[in-house]
Amino acid sequence: MILEIVKYPDPFLKSEAVKVDSVDDSVRKLIDDMVETMYYARGIGLASLQVRDPRRVVVLDVPDEDEKEREKGKNLMALVNPEIVYSEGETIYEEGCLSLPGVTADVERAAKVRVKALDRDGKQIEIEAEGLLAIALQHELDHLNGILFIDRLSRLKRELVKRKYKKSLETEERAI
């Protein structure tokens, strides 16, 4: 089922997700719905708070660096209770967000990360990532902690992005 994506400035996006006690059928259903929603919205990642669910769950399907077009499901992963256990280096990448459609900004992130989580079967997994996958992991895990990519910008850049977003919403409303 396609879920509604919570849009900025909804205060729910600023809440902190709660740990999942056990991966059961309700969590797997959430994962399936989030995957369907992510693909429908043409995203590469989605966090549970973005679909108004308080549980610590993210889904990602990040294309390989050399892929011209994403092969749906090829790199699909669902992470329950994910946490970054190691990071190194720095990189800057132009990020966007399904909760702030139409705006992007350069965000500084760690270049490499190691993430520990449970998979959809409740098994412990560890992922080492760099490049776009590392960026997407950090972006989605930030969501679980109530942090949006614009929160990582300087105050001036954040205000410019907010203004651009507000203007795009006004343009959209006039078009309807």
N, C-alpha and C. Protein backbone atom coordinates (compact mmCIF):
# COMPACT_ATOMS: atom_id res chain seq x y z
N MET A 1 0.84 -1.18 0.00
CA MET A 1 0.00 0.00 0.00
C MET A 1 0.89 1.25 0.00
N ILE A 2 0.56 2.18 -0.86
CA ILE A 2 1.32 3.43 -0.91
C ILE A 2 0.86 4.33 0.24
N LEU A 3 1.83 4.78 1.02
CA LEU A 3 1.56 5.62 2.19
C LEU A 3 1.79 7.08 1.84
N GLU A 4 1.16 7.95 2.61
CA GLU A 4 1.36 9.39 2.41
C GLU A 4 2.70 9.80 3.03
N ILE A 5 3.48 10.55 2.28
CA ILE A 5 4.76 11.03 2.78
C ILE A 5 4.54 12.36 3.50
N VAL A 6 5.01 12.43 4.73
CA VAL A 6 4.89 13.62 5.55
C VAL A 6 5.79 14.70 4.97
N LYS A 7 5.25 15.88 4.79
CA LYS A 7 6.00 16.99 4.19
C LYS A 7 6.41 18.01 5.26
N TYR A 8 7.57 18.61 5.03
CA TYR A 8 8.04 19.71 5.85
C TYR A 8 7.04 20.86 5.75
N PRO A 9 6.69 21.57 6.80
CA PRO A 9 7.29 21.61 8.13
C PRO A 9 6.52 20.79 9.19
N ASP A 10 5.86 19.72 8.81
CA ASP A 10 5.11 18.90 9.77
C ASP A 10 6.01 18.54 10.96
N PRO A 11 5.56 18.85 12.20
CA PRO A 11 6.39 18.60 13.38
C PRO A 11 6.72 17.13 13.62
N PHE A 12 5.95 16.21 13.03
CA PHE A 12 6.24 14.78 13.21
C PHE A 12 7.64 14.44 12.69
N LEU A 13 8.10 15.16 11.67
CA LEU A 13 9.43 14.93 11.12
C LEU A 13 10.54 15.24 12.12
N LYS A 14 10.23 16.03 13.14
CA LYS A 14 11.23 16.40 14.14
C LYS A 14 11.21 15.46 15.36
N SER A 15 10.31 14.48 15.35
CA SER A 15 10.27 13.54 16.47
C SER A 15 11.38 12.50 16.31
N GLU A 16 11.60 11.71 17.35
CA GLU A 16 12.63 10.69 17.31
C GLU A 16 11.95 9.32 17.27
N ALA A 17 12.39 8.47 16.35
CA ALA A 17 11.78 7.15 16.20
C ALA A 17 12.13 6.27 17.39
N VAL A 18 11.25 5.30 17.68
CA VAL A 18 11.44 4.40 18.82
C VAL A 18 11.95 3.04 18.35
N LYS A 19 12.76 2.43 19.19
CA LYS A 19 13.38 1.14 18.88
C LYS A 19 12.29 0.07 18.70
N VAL A 20 12.51 -0.80 17.73
CA VAL A 20 11.62 -1.93 17.48
C VAL A 20 12.05 -3.08 18.39
N ASP A 21 11.10 -3.62 19.16
CA ASP A 21 11.43 -4.72 20.08
C ASP A 21 11.69 -6.02 19.36
N SER A 22 10.85 -6.33 18.37
CA SER A 22 11.06 -7.55 17.58
C SER A 22 10.51 -7.35 16.18
N VAL A 23 11.18 -7.96 15.22
CA VAL A 23 10.75 -7.85 13.83
C VAL A 23 9.65 -8.88 13.61
N ASP A 24 8.41 -8.39 13.55
CA ASP A 24 7.26 -9.27 13.37
C ASP A 24 6.55 -8.92 12.06
N ASP A 25 5.38 -9.51 11.85
CA ASP A 25 4.65 -9.27 10.61
C ASP A 25 4.25 -7.82 10.42
N SER A 26 3.97 -7.10 11.53
CA SER A 26 3.59 -5.69 11.39
C SER A 26 4.77 -4.85 10.89
N VAL A 27 5.98 -5.20 11.32
CA VAL A 27 7.18 -4.49 10.86
C VAL A 27 7.44 -4.84 9.39
N ARG A 28 7.29 -6.11 9.04
CA ARG A 28 7.49 -6.52 7.64
C ARG A 28 6.46 -5.85 6.72
N LYS A 29 5.23 -5.68 7.19
CA LYS A 29 4.19 -4.99 6.41
C LYS A 29 4.58 -3.53 6.23
N LEU A 30 5.08 -2.89 7.30
CA LEU A 30 5.56 -1.51 7.20
C LEU A 30 6.68 -1.43 6.17
N ILE A 31 7.62 -2.36 6.22
CA ILE A 31 8.73 -2.37 5.26
C ILE A 31 8.19 -2.46 3.84
N ASP A 32 7.28 -3.40 3.59
CA ASP A 32 6.72 -3.57 2.25
C ASP A 32 6.01 -2.30 1.76
N ASP A 33 5.23 -1.68 2.66
CA ASP A 33 4.52 -0.45 2.29
C ASP A 33 5.50 0.70 2.04
N MET A 34 6.56 0.76 2.84
CA MET A 34 7.56 1.81 2.65
C MET A 34 8.30 1.63 1.32
N VAL A 35 8.62 0.39 0.97
CA VAL A 35 9.29 0.12 -0.30
C VAL A 35 8.40 0.56 -1.45
N GLU A 36 7.12 0.18 -1.40
CA GLU A 36 6.19 0.56 -2.46
C GLU A 36 6.07 2.09 -2.55
N THR A 37 6.02 2.75 -1.41
CA THR A 37 5.92 4.21 -1.36
C THR A 37 7.18 4.86 -1.91
N MET A 38 8.34 4.35 -1.53
CA MET A 38 9.62 4.89 -2.01
C MET A 38 9.70 4.81 -3.53
N TYR A 39 9.35 3.65 -4.10
CA TYR A 39 9.39 3.49 -5.55
C TYR A 39 8.37 4.41 -6.24
N TYR A 40 7.18 4.50 -5.66
CA TYR A 40 6.14 5.35 -6.24
C TYR A 40 6.60 6.81 -6.29
N ALA A 41 7.31 7.24 -5.23
CA ALA A 41 7.78 8.63 -5.13
C ALA A 41 9.11 8.83 -5.84
N ARG A 42 9.64 7.77 -6.42
CA ARG A 42 10.93 7.81 -7.14
C ARG A 42 12.09 8.21 -6.25
N GLY A 43 12.07 7.71 -5.02
CA GLY A 43 13.15 7.98 -4.08
C GLY A 43 14.14 6.83 -4.05
N ILE A 44 15.26 7.06 -3.37
CA ILE A 44 16.24 6.00 -3.17
C ILE A 44 16.30 5.58 -1.71
N GLY A 45 15.55 6.27 -0.86
CA GLY A 45 15.50 5.93 0.56
C GLY A 45 14.28 6.54 1.20
N LEU A 46 13.85 5.91 2.28
CA LEU A 46 12.68 6.41 3.01
C LEU A 46 12.78 5.94 4.46
N ALA A 47 12.51 6.85 5.38
CA ALA A 47 12.52 6.54 6.81
C ALA A 47 11.08 6.48 7.32
N SER A 48 10.86 5.67 8.33
CA SER A 48 9.51 5.46 8.86
C SER A 48 8.82 6.75 9.31
N LEU A 49 9.57 7.69 9.88
CA LEU A 49 8.94 8.93 10.32
C LEU A 49 8.36 9.71 9.14
N GLN A 50 8.90 9.48 7.94
CA GLN A 50 8.39 10.16 6.75
C GLN A 50 7.01 9.64 6.33
N VAL A 51 6.61 8.49 6.87
CA VAL A 51 5.27 7.96 6.58
C VAL A 51 4.46 7.87 7.88
N ARG A 52 4.84 8.71 8.83
CA ARG A 52 4.13 8.88 10.10
C ARG A 52 4.06 7.59 10.93
N ASP A 53 5.15 6.84 10.91
CA ASP A 53 5.25 5.65 11.76
C ASP A 53 6.44 5.86 12.69
N PRO A 54 6.25 5.70 14.00
CA PRO A 54 7.31 6.04 14.95
C PRO A 54 8.41 4.98 15.10
N ARG A 55 8.30 3.83 14.45
CA ARG A 55 9.29 2.77 14.62
C ARG A 55 10.57 3.05 13.81
N ARG A 56 11.72 2.59 14.33
CA ARG A 56 13.03 2.83 13.70
C ARG A 56 13.24 1.88 12.52
N VAL A 57 12.76 2.30 11.35
CA VAL A 57 12.87 1.48 10.14
C VAL A 57 13.23 2.39 8.97
N VAL A 58 14.16 1.94 8.12
CA VAL A 58 14.45 2.63 6.87
C VAL A 58 14.52 1.60 5.74
N VAL A 59 14.19 2.06 4.55
CA VAL A 59 14.36 1.25 3.35
C VAL A 59 15.19 2.06 2.37
N LEU A 60 16.03 1.37 1.60
CA LEU A 60 16.87 2.03 0.61
C LEU A 60 17.01 1.14 -0.62
N ASP A 61 17.14 1.77 -1.75
CA ASP A 61 17.50 1.08 -2.99
C ASP A 61 18.35 2.07 -3.78
N VAL A 62 19.64 2.05 -3.48
CA VAL A 62 20.59 3.01 -4.05
C VAL A 62 21.24 2.38 -5.28
N PRO A 63 21.16 3.06 -6.41
CA PRO A 63 21.78 2.50 -7.62
C PRO A 63 23.30 2.42 -7.48
N ASP A 64 23.89 1.47 -8.18
CA ASP A 64 25.35 1.38 -8.24
C ASP A 64 25.87 2.63 -8.93
N GLU A 65 27.10 3.01 -8.61
CA GLU A 65 27.69 4.23 -9.17
C GLU A 65 27.68 4.23 -10.70
N ASP A 66 27.86 3.06 -11.31
CA ASP A 66 27.96 2.98 -12.77
C ASP A 66 26.62 2.73 -13.47
N GLU A 67 25.55 2.59 -12.70
CA GLU A 67 24.22 2.37 -13.30
C GLU A 67 23.68 3.66 -13.88
N LYS A 68 23.23 3.62 -15.12
CA LYS A 68 22.60 4.79 -15.72
C LYS A 68 21.15 4.90 -15.24
N GLU A 69 20.52 3.74 -15.10
CA GLU A 69 19.13 3.71 -14.62
C GLU A 69 19.03 2.63 -13.56
N ARG A 70 18.38 2.93 -12.45
CA ARG A 70 18.28 1.98 -11.35
C ARG A 70 17.48 0.76 -11.75
N GLU A 71 18.03 -0.41 -11.44
CA GLU A 71 17.30 -1.65 -11.62
C GLU A 71 16.56 -1.89 -10.30
N LYS A 72 15.24 -1.67 -10.32
CA LYS A 72 14.43 -1.74 -9.11
C LYS A 72 14.64 -3.05 -8.36
N GLY A 73 14.92 -2.92 -7.08
CA GLY A 73 15.07 -4.08 -6.22
C GLY A 73 16.46 -4.68 -6.17
N LYS A 74 17.33 -4.28 -7.08
CA LYS A 74 18.68 -4.86 -7.15
C LYS A 74 19.46 -4.64 -5.85
N ASN A 75 19.39 -3.44 -5.32
CA ASN A 75 20.14 -3.09 -4.11
C ASN A 75 19.21 -2.79 -2.93
N LEU A 76 18.01 -3.33 -2.97
CA LEU A 76 17.01 -3.04 -1.94
C LEU A 76 17.45 -3.57 -0.58
N MET A 77 17.34 -2.71 0.42
CA MET A 77 17.60 -3.14 1.79
C MET A 77 16.62 -2.49 2.74
N ALA A 78 16.26 -3.25 3.74
CA ALA A 78 15.40 -2.76 4.81
C ALA A 78 16.20 -2.90 6.11
N LEU A 79 16.25 -1.83 6.88
CA LEU A 79 17.03 -1.82 8.10
C LEU A 79 16.14 -1.46 9.28
N VAL A 80 16.18 -2.29 10.31
CA VAL A 80 15.41 -2.08 11.52
C VAL A 80 16.39 -1.74 12.64
N ASN A 81 16.10 -0.70 13.37
CA ASN A 81 16.96 -0.21 14.45
C ASN A 81 18.39 0.08 13.97
N PRO A 82 18.54 0.72 12.82
CA PRO A 82 19.90 0.96 12.32
C PRO A 82 20.64 2.00 13.15
N GLU A 83 21.95 1.81 13.25
CA GLU A 83 22.79 2.80 13.92
C GLU A 83 24.17 2.80 13.28
N ILE A 84 24.72 3.98 13.18
CA ILE A 84 26.07 4.12 12.65
C ILE A 84 27.05 3.77 13.76
N VAL A 85 27.93 2.79 13.50
CA VAL A 85 28.89 2.37 14.51
C VAL A 85 30.30 2.85 14.19
N TYR A 86 30.49 3.36 12.96
CA TYR A 86 31.80 3.86 12.58
C TYR A 86 31.63 4.80 11.39
N SER A 87 32.40 5.86 11.37
CA SER A 87 32.41 6.75 10.21
C SER A 87 33.80 7.35 10.06
N GLU A 88 34.12 7.72 8.81
CA GLU A 88 35.42 8.36 8.57
C GLU A 88 35.34 9.24 7.34
N GLY A 89 36.24 10.20 7.29
CA GLY A 89 36.36 11.08 6.14
C GLY A 89 35.23 12.08 6.02
N GLU A 90 35.29 12.88 4.99
CA GLU A 90 34.26 13.89 4.72
C GLU A 90 33.99 13.95 3.23
N THR A 91 32.76 14.20 2.90
CA THR A 91 32.37 14.40 1.51
C THR A 91 31.20 15.37 1.47
N ILE A 92 31.02 16.00 0.34
CA ILE A 92 29.88 16.90 0.16
C ILE A 92 29.08 16.39 -1.03
N TYR A 93 27.76 16.32 -0.84
CA TYR A 93 26.89 15.79 -1.89
C TYR A 93 25.61 16.62 -1.93
N GLU A 94 25.10 16.83 -3.13
CA GLU A 94 23.85 17.57 -3.28
C GLU A 94 22.68 16.63 -2.95
N GLU A 95 21.99 16.92 -1.85
CA GLU A 95 20.91 16.06 -1.37
C GLU A 95 19.55 16.70 -1.60
N GLY A 96 18.58 15.83 -1.75
CA GLY A 96 17.18 16.22 -1.79
C GLY A 96 16.44 15.33 -0.82
N CYS A 97 15.13 15.52 -0.70
CA CYS A 97 14.37 14.74 0.27
C CYS A 97 12.91 14.65 -0.18
N LEU A 98 12.33 13.47 -0.01
CA LEU A 98 10.92 13.28 -0.37
C LEU A 98 9.99 14.12 0.51
N SER A 99 10.46 14.52 1.68
CA SER A 99 9.65 15.37 2.56
C SER A 99 9.83 16.86 2.28
N LEU A 100 10.78 17.19 1.41
CA LEU A 100 10.99 18.57 0.97
C LEU A 100 11.15 18.55 -0.55
N PRO A 101 10.10 18.15 -1.26
CA PRO A 101 10.25 17.99 -2.72
C PRO A 101 10.60 19.31 -3.42
N GLY A 102 11.45 19.17 -4.42
CA GLY A 102 11.78 20.33 -5.25
C GLY A 102 12.95 21.16 -4.80
N VAL A 103 13.57 20.82 -3.67
CA VAL A 103 14.74 21.58 -3.22
C VAL A 103 15.91 20.64 -2.94
N THR A 104 17.10 21.14 -3.21
CA THR A 104 18.33 20.39 -2.93
C THR A 104 19.35 21.35 -2.33
N ALA A 105 20.35 20.76 -1.69
CA ALA A 105 21.46 21.56 -1.15
C ALA A 105 22.66 20.66 -0.92
N ASP A 106 23.84 21.25 -0.99
CA ASP A 106 25.07 20.52 -0.69
C ASP A 106 25.16 20.30 0.81
N VAL A 107 25.36 19.04 1.19
CA VAL A 107 25.43 18.66 2.61
C VAL A 107 26.75 17.94 2.84
N GLU A 108 27.40 18.29 3.95
CA GLU A 108 28.64 17.61 4.32
C GLU A 108 28.30 16.39 5.16
N ARG A 109 28.88 15.26 4.79
CA ARG A 109 28.64 13.98 5.48
C ARG A 109 29.97 13.23 5.61
N ALA A 110 29.94 12.14 6.36
CA ALA A 110 31.09 11.24 6.41
C ALA A 110 31.21 10.53 5.07
N ALA A 111 32.42 10.28 4.63
CA ALA A 111 32.65 9.63 3.33
C ALA A 111 32.39 8.13 3.40
N LYS A 112 32.66 7.52 4.56
CA LYS A 112 32.45 6.08 4.75
C LYS A 112 31.73 5.87 6.07
N VAL A 113 30.85 4.88 6.10
CA VAL A 113 30.15 4.53 7.34
C VAL A 113 30.02 3.02 7.46
N ARG A 114 29.87 2.58 8.69
CA ARG A 114 29.50 1.20 8.98
C ARG A 114 28.22 1.28 9.80
N VAL A 115 27.20 0.57 9.35
CA VAL A 115 25.89 0.60 10.00
C VAL A 115 25.54 -0.81 10.48
N LYS A 116 25.06 -0.86 11.70
CA LYS A 116 24.59 -2.11 12.30
C LYS A 116 23.07 -2.02 12.37
N ALA A 117 22.38 -3.12 12.03
CA ALA A 117 20.92 -3.11 12.04
C ALA A 117 20.40 -4.54 12.06
N LEU A 118 19.08 -4.65 12.09
CA LEU A 118 18.41 -5.94 11.88
C LEU A 118 17.82 -5.91 10.48
N ASP A 119 17.78 -7.06 9.81
CA ASP A 119 17.13 -7.11 8.50
C ASP A 119 15.65 -7.45 8.68
N ARG A 120 14.91 -7.66 7.58
CA ARG A 120 13.47 -7.90 7.67
C ARG A 120 13.12 -9.21 8.36
N ASP A 121 14.14 -10.08 8.57
CA ASP A 121 13.91 -11.34 9.28
C ASP A 121 14.38 -11.26 10.73
N GLY A 122 14.86 -10.09 11.14
CA GLY A 122 15.32 -9.92 12.51
C GLY A 122 16.75 -10.36 12.75
N LYS A 123 17.49 -10.65 11.66
CA LYS A 123 18.89 -11.06 11.79
C LYS A 123 19.78 -9.82 11.84
N GLN A 124 20.81 -9.91 12.69
CA GLN A 124 21.78 -8.82 12.82
C GLN A 124 22.62 -8.74 11.55
N ILE A 125 22.74 -7.54 10.99
CA ILE A 125 23.59 -7.33 9.82
C ILE A 125 24.47 -6.11 10.03
N GLU A 126 25.53 -6.03 9.25
CA GLU A 126 26.41 -4.88 9.27
C GLU A 126 26.71 -4.50 7.82
N ILE A 127 26.64 -3.22 7.53
CA ILE A 127 26.86 -2.73 6.17
C ILE A 127 27.99 -1.72 6.20
N GLU A 128 28.97 -1.91 5.33
CA GLU A 128 30.02 -0.91 5.16
C GLU A 128 29.72 -0.21 3.85
N ALA A 129 29.72 1.11 3.87
CA ALA A 129 29.33 1.85 2.68
C ALA A 129 30.17 3.09 2.48
N GLU A 130 30.28 3.47 1.21
CA GLU A 130 30.88 4.74 0.83
C GLU A 130 30.11 5.24 -0.38
N GLY A 131 30.42 6.43 -0.84
CA GLY A 131 29.71 6.98 -1.98
C GLY A 131 28.25 7.29 -1.66
N LEU A 132 27.40 7.15 -2.67
CA LEU A 132 25.99 7.51 -2.51
C LEU A 132 25.29 6.67 -1.44
N LEU A 133 25.66 5.39 -1.31
CA LEU A 133 25.03 4.56 -0.29
C LEU A 133 25.33 5.10 1.11
N ALA A 134 26.56 5.52 1.35
CA ALA A 134 26.92 6.08 2.67
C ALA A 134 26.13 7.35 2.95
N ILE A 135 25.98 8.17 1.93
CA ILE A 135 25.22 9.42 2.07
C ILE A 135 23.75 9.12 2.36
N ALA A 136 23.17 8.20 1.59
CA ALA A 136 21.75 7.84 1.78
C ALA A 136 21.51 7.24 3.16
N LEU A 137 22.41 6.38 3.61
CA LEU A 137 22.27 5.80 4.95
C LEU A 137 22.26 6.90 6.01
N GLN A 138 23.21 7.83 5.92
CA GLN A 138 23.27 8.91 6.91
C GLN A 138 22.02 9.79 6.86
N HIS A 139 21.54 10.07 5.64
CA HIS A 139 20.35 10.90 5.45
C HIS A 139 19.14 10.24 6.11
N GLU A 140 18.95 8.94 5.85
CA GLU A 140 17.78 8.24 6.40
C GLU A 140 17.89 8.05 7.91
N LEU A 141 19.09 7.75 8.40
CA LEU A 141 19.25 7.59 9.84
C LEU A 141 19.05 8.92 10.55
N ASP A 142 19.44 10.03 9.92
CA ASP A 142 19.13 11.35 10.48
C ASP A 142 17.62 11.51 10.68
N HIS A 143 16.85 11.09 9.67
CA HIS A 143 15.39 11.18 9.78
C HIS A 143 14.88 10.50 11.05
N LEU A 144 15.44 9.34 11.36
CA LEU A 144 15.00 8.59 12.55
C LEU A 144 15.29 9.35 13.84
N ASN A 145 16.21 10.30 13.76
CA ASN A 145 16.56 11.11 14.93
C ASN A 145 15.95 12.51 14.86
N GLY A 146 15.01 12.70 13.93
CA GLY A 146 14.33 13.99 13.83
C GLY A 146 15.17 15.07 13.16
N ILE A 147 16.16 14.67 12.37
CA ILE A 147 17.05 15.63 11.72
C ILE A 147 16.80 15.59 10.22
N LEU A 148 16.56 16.75 9.64
CA LEU A 148 16.40 16.87 8.19
C LEU A 148 17.71 17.36 7.58
N PHE A 149 17.89 17.11 6.29
CA PHE A 149 19.15 17.53 5.67
C PHE A 149 19.36 19.04 5.78
N ILE A 150 18.28 19.81 5.81
CA ILE A 150 18.43 21.26 5.94
C ILE A 150 18.96 21.67 7.32
N ASP A 151 18.79 20.79 8.32
CA ASP A 151 19.32 21.07 9.66
C ASP A 151 20.84 21.02 9.67
N ARG A 152 21.44 20.43 8.65
CA ARG A 152 22.90 20.31 8.56
C ARG A 152 23.52 21.46 7.78
N LEU A 153 22.70 22.40 7.35
CA LEU A 153 23.18 23.56 6.59
C LEU A 153 23.44 24.73 7.53
N SER A 154 24.22 25.70 7.04
CA SER A 154 24.40 26.93 7.81
C SER A 154 23.04 27.62 7.91
N ARG A 155 22.89 28.51 8.87
CA ARG A 155 21.62 29.19 9.05
C ARG A 155 21.19 29.92 7.78
N LEU A 156 22.12 30.59 7.13
CA LEU A 156 21.82 31.34 5.93
C LEU A 156 21.35 30.41 4.80
N LYS A 157 22.09 29.33 4.56
CA LYS A 157 21.70 28.39 3.51
C LYS A 157 20.36 27.74 3.83
N ARG A 158 20.15 27.41 5.10
CA ARG A 158 18.88 26.80 5.52
C ARG A 158 17.72 27.73 5.23
N GLU A 159 17.86 29.01 5.53
CA GLU A 159 16.79 29.97 5.27
C GLU A 159 16.53 30.11 3.77
N LEU A 160 17.59 30.10 2.95
CA LEU A 160 17.42 30.17 1.50
C LEU A 160 16.65 28.95 0.97
N VAL A 161 17.01 27.76 1.47
CA VAL A 161 16.33 26.53 1.04
C VAL A 161 14.86 26.56 1.48
N LYS A 162 14.61 26.99 2.71
CA LYS A 162 13.23 27.08 3.20
C LYS A 162 12.41 28.04 2.35
N ARG A 163 13.01 29.18 1.99
CA ARG A 163 12.32 30.16 1.16
C ARG A 163 11.99 29.57 -0.21
N LYS A 164 12.96 28.88 -0.80
CA LYS A 164 12.76 28.24 -2.10
C LYS A 164 11.66 27.18 -2.03
N TYR A 165 11.66 26.41 -0.96
CA TYR A 165 10.63 25.38 -0.76
C TYR A 165 9.25 26.01 -0.62
N LYS A 166 9.15 27.05 0.19
CA LYS A 166 7.87 27.74 0.39
C LYS A 166 7.36 28.30 -0.94
N LYS A 167 8.28 28.87 -1.73
CA LYS A 167 7.90 29.44 -3.02
C LYS A 167 7.41 28.33 -3.96
N SER A 168 8.06 27.17 -3.93
CA SER A 168 7.63 26.06 -4.80
C SER A 168 6.25 25.56 -4.38
N LEU A 169 5.95 25.59 -3.08
CA LEU A 169 4.61 25.20 -2.61
C LEU A 169 3.55 26.19 -3.09
N GLU A 170 3.88 27.48 -3.02
CA GLU A 170 2.94 28.50 -3.48
C GLU A 170 2.66 28.38 -4.98
N THR A 171 3.71 28.08 -5.74
CA THR A 171 3.57 27.89 -7.19
C THR A 171 2.69 26.67 -7.47
N GLU A 172 2.89 25.61 -6.68
CA GLU A 172 2.12 24.39 -6.83
C GLU A 172 0.64 24.64 -6.53
N GLU A 173 0.37 25.41 -5.45
CA GLU A 173 -1.01 25.72 -5.07
C GLU A 173 -1.71 26.53 -6.15
N ARG A 174 -0.99 27.48 -6.76
CA ARG A 174 -1.59 28.28 -7.82
C ARG A 174 -1.92 27.45 -9.05
N ALA A 175 -1.13 26.40 -9.28
CA ALA A 175 -1.33 25.54 -10.45
C ALA A 175 -2.56 24.63 -10.29
N ILE A 176 -2.98 24.42 -9.07
CA ILE A 176 -4.11 23.50 -8.80
C ILE A 176 -5.44 24.19 -9.04
